[in-house]
Amino acid sequence: VFVAGNALLTAGGRLWFGVGTALASRYTTASLASWLALIIFAALNSDSAVRLKRVIFVGACSTLLIASYQRMAFKSDHDVAYSRLVAGLALRAHVYDPEITKVVYPFP
């Protein structure tokens, strides 16, 4: 409950920055750990072979679904990465031009 609540509150707190920010991959680690804990808990507490097979099937399908989206983690938009680097350099030099810094600091 703590891990799931933490993930929900983190995403809810970031929601006013936008749905894309709230669902960013850096905030999904806690929710993935929560799902893994629930699957392990269900597998350890299954009382029949049929229920254990269902839990293993759901866990395997979930793992395949998550793994299929992991390939997207290695694709990056070079323009966005460059814009972030330039914005970071501008902030370091105390240049607060909203056109430059909006990629890392959306609400000046």
Protein backbone atom coordinates (compact mmCIF):
# COMPACT_ATOMS: atom_id res chain seq x y z
CA VAL A 1 0.00 0.00 0.00
CA PHE A 2 2.87 2.35 0.82
CA VAL A 3 4.65 1.81 -2.51
CA ALA A 4 1.44 2.09 -4.54
CA GLY A 5 0.37 5.18 -2.59
CA ASN A 6 3.77 6.75 -3.08
CA ALA A 7 3.60 6.21 -6.83
CA LEU A 8 0.07 7.60 -6.99
CA LEU A 9 0.89 10.68 -4.93
CA THR A 10 4.04 11.37 -6.93
CA ALA A 11 2.18 11.15 -10.23
CA GLY A 12 -0.70 13.21 -8.81
CA GLY A 13 1.68 15.90 -7.61
CA ARG A 14 3.30 16.14 -11.04
CA LEU A 15 -0.06 16.17 -12.85
CA TRP A 16 -0.30 19.96 -12.96
CA PHE A 17 2.89 19.96 -15.09
CA GLY A 18 1.02 17.79 -17.60
CA VAL A 19 0.08 14.15 -18.08
CA GLY A 20 3.33 13.43 -19.91
CA THR A 21 5.33 14.68 -16.95
CA ALA A 22 3.21 12.80 -14.41
CA LEU A 23 3.62 9.54 -16.28
CA ALA A 24 7.32 10.01 -17.01
CA SER A 25 9.36 6.86 -16.71
CA ARG A 26 11.38 8.14 -13.75
CA TYR A 27 8.22 8.04 -11.62
CA THR A 28 7.17 4.49 -12.54
CA THR A 29 9.84 2.62 -10.59
CA ALA A 30 7.80 2.52 -7.39
CA SER A 31 4.65 1.37 -9.16
CA LEU A 32 6.55 -1.38 -10.99
CA ALA A 33 7.97 -2.56 -7.66
CA SER A 34 4.46 -2.55 -6.23
CA TRP A 35 3.13 -4.71 -9.06
CA LEU A 36 6.04 -7.11 -8.70
CA ALA A 37 5.35 -7.41 -4.97
CA LEU A 38 1.66 -8.10 -5.63
CA ILE A 39 2.46 -10.80 -8.19
CA ILE A 40 4.94 -12.48 -5.84
CA PHE A 41 2.46 -12.24 -2.97
CA ALA A 42 -0.29 -13.81 -5.09
CA ALA A 43 2.06 -16.59 -6.25
CA LEU A 44 3.17 -17.42 -2.71
CA ASN A 45 -0.38 -17.42 -1.38
CA SER A 46 -2.10 -19.33 -4.18
CA ASP A 47 -3.85 -22.39 -2.77
CA SER A 48 -4.24 -24.38 -5.99
CA ALA A 49 -2.22 -25.20 -9.07
CA VAL A 50 -4.79 -23.52 -11.31
CA ARG A 51 -4.53 -20.23 -9.41
CA LEU A 52 -0.72 -20.43 -9.43
CA LYS A 53 -0.76 -20.92 -13.22
CA ARG A 54 -3.02 -17.87 -13.59
CA VAL A 55 -0.69 -15.76 -11.47
CA ILE A 56 2.33 -16.91 -13.46
CA PHE A 57 0.49 -16.20 -16.73
CA VAL A 58 -0.49 -12.68 -15.64
CA GLY A 59 3.04 -12.03 -14.39
CA ALA A 60 4.58 -13.25 -17.64
CA CYS A 61 2.18 -11.17 -19.76
CA SER A 62 2.89 -8.09 -17.63
CA THR A 63 6.63 -8.63 -17.95
CA LEU A 64 6.39 -8.98 -21.73
CA LEU A 65 4.24 -5.85 -21.97
CA ILE A 66 6.70 -3.82 -19.90
CA ALA A 67 9.71 -5.23 -21.75
CA SER A 68 8.15 -4.33 -25.10
CA TYR A 69 8.00 -0.68 -24.06
CA GLN A 70 11.58 -0.70 -22.74
CA ARG A 71 12.94 -0.51 -26.27
CA MET A 72 11.48 3.02 -26.41
CA ALA A 73 13.82 4.05 -23.59
CA PHE A 74 16.81 3.92 -25.91
CA LYS A 75 15.24 6.19 -28.52
CA SER A 76 15.91 9.82 -27.77
CA ASP A 77 15.02 12.99 -29.58
CA HIS A 78 18.34 14.70 -30.22
CA ASP A 79 16.69 18.12 -30.56
CA VAL A 80 15.13 17.83 -27.10
CA ALA A 81 18.40 16.64 -25.58
CA TYR A 82 20.26 19.54 -27.19
CA SER A 83 17.63 22.02 -25.98
CA ARG A 84 17.99 20.71 -22.44
CA LEU A 85 21.75 21.03 -22.56
CA VAL A 86 21.52 24.61 -23.86
CA ALA A 87 18.92 25.47 -21.21
CA GLY A 88 21.10 24.02 -18.47
CA LEU A 89 24.06 26.01 -19.72
CA ALA A 90 21.95 29.18 -19.82
CA LEU A 91 20.72 28.65 -16.25
CA ARG A 92 24.27 28.04 -15.10
CA ALA A 93 25.29 31.35 -16.67
CA HIS A 94 22.30 33.07 -14.94
CA VAL A 95 20.50 33.71 -18.21
CA TYR A 96 16.78 33.33 -17.56
CA ASP A 97 15.32 33.75 -21.04
CA PRO A 98 12.01 31.83 -21.05
CA GLU A 99 12.44 30.84 -24.70
CA ILE A 100 15.64 28.99 -23.84
CA THR A 101 14.88 27.67 -20.36
CA LYS A 102 11.30 26.49 -20.89
CA VAL A 103 12.42 22.90 -21.65
CA VAL A 104 13.85 22.47 -18.12
CA TYR A 105 11.95 25.17 -16.24
CA PRO A 106 8.45 25.36 -17.73
CA PHE A 107 6.92 27.95 -15.36
CA PRO A 108 9.29 30.86 -14.72
